[in-house]
Amino acid sequence: MIKSMLATMMVAFCMSVAACGGSKTVVKNEDSCGKQMTDLQNALNTGAMTQSEYDQARSQALYRCNHH
């Protein structure tokens, strides 16, 4: 279960990073804000993300949660 959750997080993260190339790509995430935060924390705790990647992804997720 953790592996599938990490795989989902990595796909979402890669898609969000790919969107930084200047295109108008929109990534829709149907997970609740709390689930996103939990998934990000799990990815950090297991080493799937660096602290820097976590900080950036968390900031983006919080922005989306607050502006949804």
PDB file of N, CA and C in Angstrom:
ATOM      1  N   MET A   1       0.820  -1.180   0.000  1.00  0.00           N
ATOM      2  CA  MET A   1       0.000   0.000   0.000  1.00  0.00           C
ATOM      3  C   MET A   1       0.871   1.252   0.000  1.00  0.00           C
ATOM      4  N   ILE A   2       1.929   1.249   0.797  1.00  0.00           N
ATOM      5  CA  ILE A   2       2.805   2.417   0.856  1.00  0.00           C
ATOM      6  C   ILE A   2       3.488   2.628  -0.486  1.00  0.00           C
ATOM      7  N   LYS A   3       3.886   1.545  -1.142  1.00  0.00           N
ATOM      8  CA  LYS A   3       4.541   1.686  -2.442  1.00  0.00           C
ATOM      9  C   LYS A   3       3.607   2.309  -3.469  1.00  0.00           C
ATOM     10  N   SER A   4       2.337   1.894  -3.466  1.00  0.00           N
ATOM     11  CA  SER A   4       1.400   2.474  -4.434  1.00  0.00           C
ATOM     12  C   SER A   4       1.130   3.934  -4.105  1.00  0.00           C
ATOM     13  N   MET A   5       1.088   4.278  -2.825  1.00  0.00           N
ATOM     14  CA  MET A   5       0.876   5.663  -2.424  1.00  0.00           C
ATOM     15  C   MET A   5       2.075   6.515  -2.841  1.00  0.00           C
ATOM     16  N   LEU A   6       3.277   5.994  -2.639  1.00  0.00           N
ATOM     17  CA  LEU A   6       4.480   6.719  -3.043  1.00  0.00           C
ATOM     18  C   LEU A   6       4.544   6.868  -4.559  1.00  0.00           C
ATOM     19  N   ALA A   7       4.150   5.835  -5.273  1.00  0.00           N
ATOM     20  CA  ALA A   7       4.154   5.917  -6.733  1.00  0.00           C
ATOM     21  C   ALA A   7       3.184   6.994  -7.201  1.00  0.00           C
ATOM     22  N   THR A   8       2.018   7.056  -6.587  1.00  0.00           N
ATOM     23  CA  THR A   8       1.034   8.082  -6.935  1.00  0.00           C
ATOM     24  C   THR A   8       1.583   9.466  -6.637  1.00  0.00           C
ATOM     25  N   MET A   9       2.224   9.624  -5.487  1.00  0.00           N
ATOM     26  CA  MET A   9       2.802  10.926  -5.117  1.00  0.00           C
ATOM     27  C   MET A   9       3.901  11.331  -6.093  1.00  0.00           C
ATOM     28  N   MET A  10       4.727  10.382  -6.481  1.00  0.00           N
ATOM     29  CA  MET A  10       5.828  10.702  -7.394  1.00  0.00           C
ATOM     30  C   MET A  10       5.293  11.092  -8.769  1.00  0.00           C
ATOM     31  N   VAL A  11       4.246  10.417  -9.241  1.00  0.00           N
ATOM     32  CA  VAL A  11       3.643  10.785 -10.522  1.00  0.00           C
ATOM     33  C   VAL A  11       3.084  12.199 -10.437  1.00  0.00           C
ATOM     34  N   ALA A  12       2.354  12.490  -9.358  1.00  0.00           N
ATOM     35  CA  ALA A  12       1.789  13.830  -9.188  1.00  0.00           C
ATOM     36  C   ALA A  12       2.895  14.870  -9.097  1.00  0.00           C
ATOM     37  N   PHE A  13       3.958  14.551  -8.373  1.00  0.00           N
ATOM     38  CA  PHE A  13       5.075  15.484  -8.241  1.00  0.00           C
ATOM     39  C   PHE A  13       5.746  15.714  -9.589  1.00  0.00           C
ATOM     40  N   CYS A  14       6.008  14.660 -10.325  1.00  0.00           N
ATOM     41  CA  CYS A  14       6.643  14.792 -11.638  1.00  0.00           C
ATOM     42  C   CYS A  14       5.774  15.599 -12.587  1.00  0.00           C
ATOM     43  N   MET A  15       4.476  15.387 -12.518  1.00  0.00           N
ATOM     44  CA  MET A  15       3.577  16.151 -13.385  1.00  0.00           C
ATOM     45  C   MET A  15       3.600  17.631 -13.013  1.00  0.00           C
ATOM     46  N   SER A  16       3.669  17.923 -11.723  1.00  0.00           N
ATOM     47  CA  SER A  16       3.698  19.326 -11.314  1.00  0.00           C
ATOM     48  C   SER A  16       5.019  19.976 -11.685  1.00  0.00           C
ATOM     49  N   VAL A  17       6.121  19.234 -11.602  1.00  0.00           N
ATOM     50  CA  VAL A  17       7.413  19.772 -12.003  1.00  0.00           C
ATOM     51  C   VAL A  17       7.445  19.986 -13.513  1.00  0.00           C
ATOM     52  N   ALA A  18       6.876  19.059 -14.265  1.00  0.00           N
ATOM     53  CA  ALA A  18       6.839  19.195 -15.723  1.00  0.00           C
ATOM     54  C   ALA A  18       6.046  20.430 -16.129  1.00  0.00           C
ATOM     55  N   ALA A  19       5.069  20.793 -15.328  1.00  0.00           N
ATOM     56  CA  ALA A  19       4.254  21.970 -15.634  1.00  0.00           C
ATOM     57  C   ALA A  19       5.044  23.261 -15.464  1.00  0.00           C
ATOM     58  N   CYS A  20       6.183  23.206 -14.817  1.00  0.00           N
ATOM     59  CA  CYS A  20       7.001  24.401 -14.601  1.00  0.00           C
ATOM     60  C   CYS A  20       7.711  24.849 -15.874  1.00  0.00           C
ATOM     61  N   GLY A  21       7.607  24.103 -16.941  1.00  0.00           N
ATOM     62  CA  GLY A  21       8.285  24.428 -18.188  1.00  0.00           C
ATOM     63  C   GLY A  21       7.667  25.576 -18.955  1.00  0.00           C
ATOM     64  N   GLY A  22       6.608  26.153 -18.454  1.00  0.00           N
ATOM     65  CA  GLY A  22       6.011  27.302 -19.099  1.00  0.00           C
ATOM     66  C   GLY A  22       4.735  26.997 -19.852  1.00  0.00           C
ATOM     67  N   SER A  23       4.343  25.749 -19.924  1.00  0.00           N
ATOM     68  CA  SER A  23       3.096  25.422 -20.600  1.00  0.00           C
ATOM     69  C   SER A  23       1.930  25.722 -19.662  1.00  0.00           C
ATOM     70  N   LYS A  24       0.748  25.634 -20.183  1.00  0.00           N
ATOM     71  CA  LYS A  24      -0.456  25.906 -19.392  1.00  0.00           C
ATOM     72  C   LYS A  24      -1.071  24.606 -18.879  1.00  0.00           C
ATOM     73  N   THR A  25      -0.262  23.593 -18.642  1.00  0.00           N
ATOM     74  CA  THR A  25      -0.745  22.312 -18.155  1.00  0.00           C
ATOM     75  C   THR A  25      -1.335  22.473 -16.758  1.00  0.00           C
ATOM     76  N   VAL A  26      -2.500  21.899 -16.562  1.00  0.00           N
ATOM     77  CA  VAL A  26      -3.154  21.947 -15.261  1.00  0.00           C
ATOM     78  C   VAL A  26      -3.269  20.522 -14.750  1.00  0.00           C
ATOM     79  N   VAL A  27      -2.785  20.313 -13.532  1.00  0.00           N
ATOM     80  CA  VAL A  27      -2.873  18.998 -12.910  1.00  0.00           C
ATOM     81  C   VAL A  27      -3.984  19.063 -11.879  1.00  0.00           C
ATOM     82  N   LYS A  28      -4.997  18.231 -12.062  1.00  0.00           N
ATOM     83  CA  LYS A  28      -6.094  18.194 -11.106  1.00  0.00           C
ATOM     84  C   LYS A  28      -5.823  17.094 -10.100  1.00  0.00           C
ATOM     85  N   ASN A  29      -5.966  17.431  -8.855  1.00  0.00           N
ATOM     86  CA  ASN A  29      -5.772  16.465  -7.785  1.00  0.00           C
ATOM     87  C   ASN A  29      -7.055  16.407  -6.986  1.00  0.00           C
ATOM     88  N   GLU A  30      -7.694  15.262  -6.968  1.00  0.00           N
ATOM     89  CA  GLU A  30      -8.982  15.108  -6.309  1.00  0.00           C
ATOM     90  C   GLU A  30      -8.843  14.731  -4.834  1.00  0.00           C
ATOM     91  N   ASP A  31      -7.614  14.525  -4.351  1.00  0.00           N
ATOM     92  CA  ASP A  31      -7.416  14.168  -2.950  1.00  0.00           C
ATOM     93  C   ASP A  31      -7.721  15.361  -2.056  1.00  0.00           C
ATOM     94  N   SER A  32      -8.139  15.074  -0.828  1.00  0.00           N
ATOM     95  CA  SER A  32      -8.386  16.142   0.135  1.00  0.00           C
ATOM     96  C   SER A  32      -7.058  16.779   0.515  1.00  0.00           C
ATOM     97  N   CYS A  33      -7.129  17.989   1.021  1.00  0.00           N
ATOM     98  CA  CYS A  33      -5.910  18.692   1.430  1.00  0.00           C
ATOM     99  C   CYS A  33      -5.175  17.926   2.529  1.00  0.00           C
ATOM    100  N   GLY A  34      -5.930  17.368   3.463  1.00  0.00           N
ATOM    101  CA  GLY A  34      -5.315  16.594   4.538  1.00  0.00           C
ATOM    102  C   GLY A  34      -4.596  15.364   4.016  1.00  0.00           C
ATOM    103  N   LYS A  35      -5.197  14.677   3.047  1.00  0.00           N
ATOM    104  CA  LYS A  35      -4.561  13.495   2.458  1.00  0.00           C
ATOM    105  C   LYS A  35      -3.296  13.887   1.715  1.00  0.00           C
ATOM    106  N   GLN A  36      -3.336  15.007   1.007  1.00  0.00           N
ATOM    107  CA  GLN A  36      -2.148  15.466   0.295  1.00  0.00           C
ATOM    108  C   GLN A  36      -1.008  15.727   1.277  1.00  0.00           C
ATOM    109  N   MET A  37      -1.318  16.382   2.394  1.00  0.00           N
ATOM    110  CA  MET A  37      -0.288  16.685   3.394  1.00  0.00           C
ATOM    111  C   MET A  37       0.278  15.396   3.994  1.00  0.00           C
ATOM    112  N   THR A  38      -0.611  14.444   4.272  1.00  0.00           N
ATOM    113  CA  THR A  38      -0.175  13.158   4.822  1.00  0.00           C
ATOM    114  C   THR A  38       0.712  12.415   3.827  1.00  0.00           C
ATOM    115  N   ASP A  39       0.313  12.395   2.565  1.00  0.00           N
ATOM    116  CA  ASP A  39       1.094  11.716   1.537  1.00  0.00           C
ATOM    117  C   ASP A  39       2.469  12.366   1.369  1.00  0.00           C
ATOM    118  N   LEU A  40       2.496  13.684   1.391  1.00  0.00           N
ATOM    119  CA  LEU A  40       3.781  14.377   1.271  1.00  0.00           C
ATOM    120  C   LEU A  40       4.684  14.061   2.456  1.00  0.00           C
ATOM    121  N   GLN A  41       4.117  14.072   3.661  1.00  0.00           N
ATOM    122  CA  GLN A  41       4.913  13.764   4.856  1.00  0.00           C
ATOM    123  C   GLN A  41       5.444  12.331   4.792  1.00  0.00           C
ATOM    124  N   ASN A  42       4.608  11.408   4.332  1.00  0.00           N
ATOM    125  CA  ASN A  42       5.057  10.011   4.186  1.00  0.00           C
ATOM    126  C   ASN A  42       6.188   9.909   3.167  1.00  0.00           C
ATOM    127  N   ALA A  43       6.074  10.638   2.068  1.00  0.00           N
ATOM    128  CA  ALA A  43       7.122  10.607   1.048  1.00  0.00           C
ATOM    129  C   ALA A  43       8.428  11.148   1.614  1.00  0.00           C
ATOM    130  N   LEU A  44       8.350  12.196   2.412  1.00  0.00           N
ATOM    131  CA  LEU A  44       9.556  12.750   3.043  1.00  0.00           C
ATOM    132  C   LEU A  44      10.145  11.753   4.037  1.00  0.00           C
ATOM    133  N   ASN A  45       9.289  11.182   4.875  1.00  0.00           N
ATOM    134  CA  ASN A  45       9.747  10.256   5.919  1.00  0.00           C
ATOM    135  C   ASN A  45      10.393   9.000   5.350  1.00  0.00           C
ATOM    136  N   THR A  46       9.940   8.549   4.189  1.00  0.00           N
ATOM    137  CA  THR A  46      10.486   7.326   3.602  1.00  0.00           C
ATOM    138  C   THR A  46      11.664   7.592   2.671  1.00  0.00           C
ATOM    139  N   GLY A  47      11.986   8.869   2.470  1.00  0.00           N
ATOM    140  CA  GLY A  47      13.119   9.205   1.615  1.00  0.00           C
ATOM    141  C   GLY A  47      12.762   9.314   0.146  1.00  0.00           C
ATOM    142  N   ALA A  48      11.467   9.254  -0.172  1.00  0.00           N
ATOM    143  CA  ALA A  48      11.045   9.372  -1.565  1.00  0.00           C
ATOM    144  C   ALA A  48      11.212  10.803  -2.075  1.00  0.00           C
ATOM    145  N   MET A  49      11.286  11.761  -1.151  1.00  0.00           N
ATOM    146  CA  MET A  49      11.474  13.168  -1.494  1.00  0.00           C
ATOM    147  C   MET A  49      12.558  13.749  -0.597  1.00  0.00           C
ATOM    148  N   THR A  50      13.259  14.732  -1.121  1.00  0.00           N
ATOM    149  CA  THR A  50      14.197  15.470  -0.288  1.00  0.00           C
ATOM    150  C   THR A  50      13.424  16.531   0.486  1.00  0.00           C
ATOM    151  N   GLN A  51      14.055  17.138   1.471  1.00  0.00           N
ATOM    152  CA  GLN A  51      13.399  18.196   2.236  1.00  0.00           C
ATOM    153  C   GLN A  51      13.019  19.362   1.320  1.00  0.00           C
ATOM    154  N   SER A  52      13.898  19.687   0.386  1.00  0.00           N
ATOM    155  CA  SER A  52      13.628  20.778  -0.545  1.00  0.00           C
ATOM    156  C   SER A  52      12.427  20.465  -1.431  1.00  0.00           C
ATOM    157  N   GLU A  53      12.365  19.242  -1.956  1.00  0.00           N
ATOM    158  CA  GLU A  53      11.232  18.830  -2.784  1.00  0.00           C
ATOM    159  C   GLU A  53       9.945  18.855  -1.973  1.00  0.00           C
ATOM    160  N   TYR A  54      10.030  18.386  -0.736  1.00  0.00           N
ATOM    161  CA  TYR A  54       8.868  18.384   0.147  1.00  0.00           C
ATOM    162  C   TYR A  54       8.371  19.805   0.388  1.00  0.00           C
ATOM    163  N   ASP A  55       9.294  20.704   0.718  1.00  0.00           N
ATOM    164  CA  ASP A  55       8.915  22.090   0.997  1.00  0.00           C
ATOM    165  C   ASP A  55       8.203  22.717  -0.204  1.00  0.00           C
ATOM    166  N   GLN A  56       8.740  22.486  -1.388  1.00  0.00           N
ATOM    167  CA  GLN A  56       8.142  23.050  -2.600  1.00  0.00           C
ATOM    168  C   GLN A  56       6.766  22.428  -2.874  1.00  0.00           C
ATOM    169  N   ALA A  57       6.671  21.104  -2.795  1.00  0.00           N
ATOM    170  CA  ALA A  57       5.403  20.418  -3.060  1.00  0.00           C
ATOM    171  C   ALA A  57       4.351  20.794  -2.016  1.00  0.00           C
ATOM    172  N   ARG A  58       4.764  20.929  -0.765  1.00  0.00           N
ATOM    173  CA  ARG A  58       3.834  21.304   0.304  1.00  0.00           C
ATOM    174  C   ARG A  58       3.311  22.721   0.076  1.00  0.00           C
ATOM    175  N   SER A  59       4.200  23.613  -0.288  1.00  0.00           N
ATOM    176  CA  SER A  59       3.796  24.992  -0.568  1.00  0.00           C
ATOM    177  C   SER A  59       2.783  25.041  -1.708  1.00  0.00           C
ATOM    178  N   GLN A  60       3.042  24.289  -2.772  1.00  0.00           N
ATOM    179  CA  GLN A  60       2.120  24.251  -3.909  1.00  0.00           C
ATOM    180  C   GLN A  60       0.780  23.640  -3.507  1.00  0.00           C
ATOM    181  N   ALA A  61       0.811  22.572  -2.733  1.00  0.00           N
ATOM    182  CA  ALA A  61      -0.426  21.920  -2.300  1.00  0.00           C
ATOM    183  C   ALA A  61      -1.245  22.856  -1.405  1.00  0.00           C
ATOM    184  N   LEU A  62      -0.577  23.555  -0.493  1.00  0.00           N
ATOM    185  CA  LEU A  62      -1.290  24.496   0.373  1.00  0.00           C
ATOM    186  C   LEU A  62      -1.910  25.624  -0.439  1.00  0.00           C
ATOM    187  N   TYR A  63      -1.201  26.093  -1.439  1.00  0.00           N
ATOM    188  CA  TYR A  63      -1.746  27.158  -2.298  1.00  0.00           C
ATOM    189  C   TYR A  63      -3.005  26.667  -2.996  1.00  0.00           C
ATOM    190  N   ARG A  64      -2.927  25.443  -3.564  1.00  0.00           N
ATOM    191  CA  ARG A  64      -4.095  24.881  -4.247  1.00  0.00           C
ATOM    192  C   ARG A  64      -5.257  24.688  -3.282  1.00  0.00           C
ATOM    193  N   CYS A  65      -4.970  24.243  -2.063  1.00  0.00           N
ATOM    194  CA  CYS A  65      -6.034  24.029  -1.068  1.00  0.00           C
ATOM    195  C   CYS A  65      -6.700  25.345  -0.695  1.00  0.00           C
ATOM    196  N   ASN A  66      -5.918  26.387  -0.562  1.00  0.00           N
ATOM    197  CA  ASN A  66      -6.450  27.687  -0.140  1.00  0.00           C
ATOM    198  C   ASN A  66      -7.106  28.461  -1.269  1.00  0.00           C
ATOM    199  N   HIS A  67      -6.839  28.079  -2.510  1.00  0.00           N
ATOM    200  CA  HIS A  67      -7.380  28.806  -3.656  1.00  0.00           C
ATOM    201  C   HIS A  67      -8.287  27.927  -4.513  1.00  0.00           C
ATOM    202  N   HIS A  68      -8.818  26.904  -3.920  1.00  0.00           N
ATOM    203  CA  HIS A  68      -9.655  25.956  -4.656  1.00  0.00           C
ATOM    204  C   HIS A  68     -11.068  26.357  -4.655  1.00  0.00           C
TER     205      HIS A  68
END
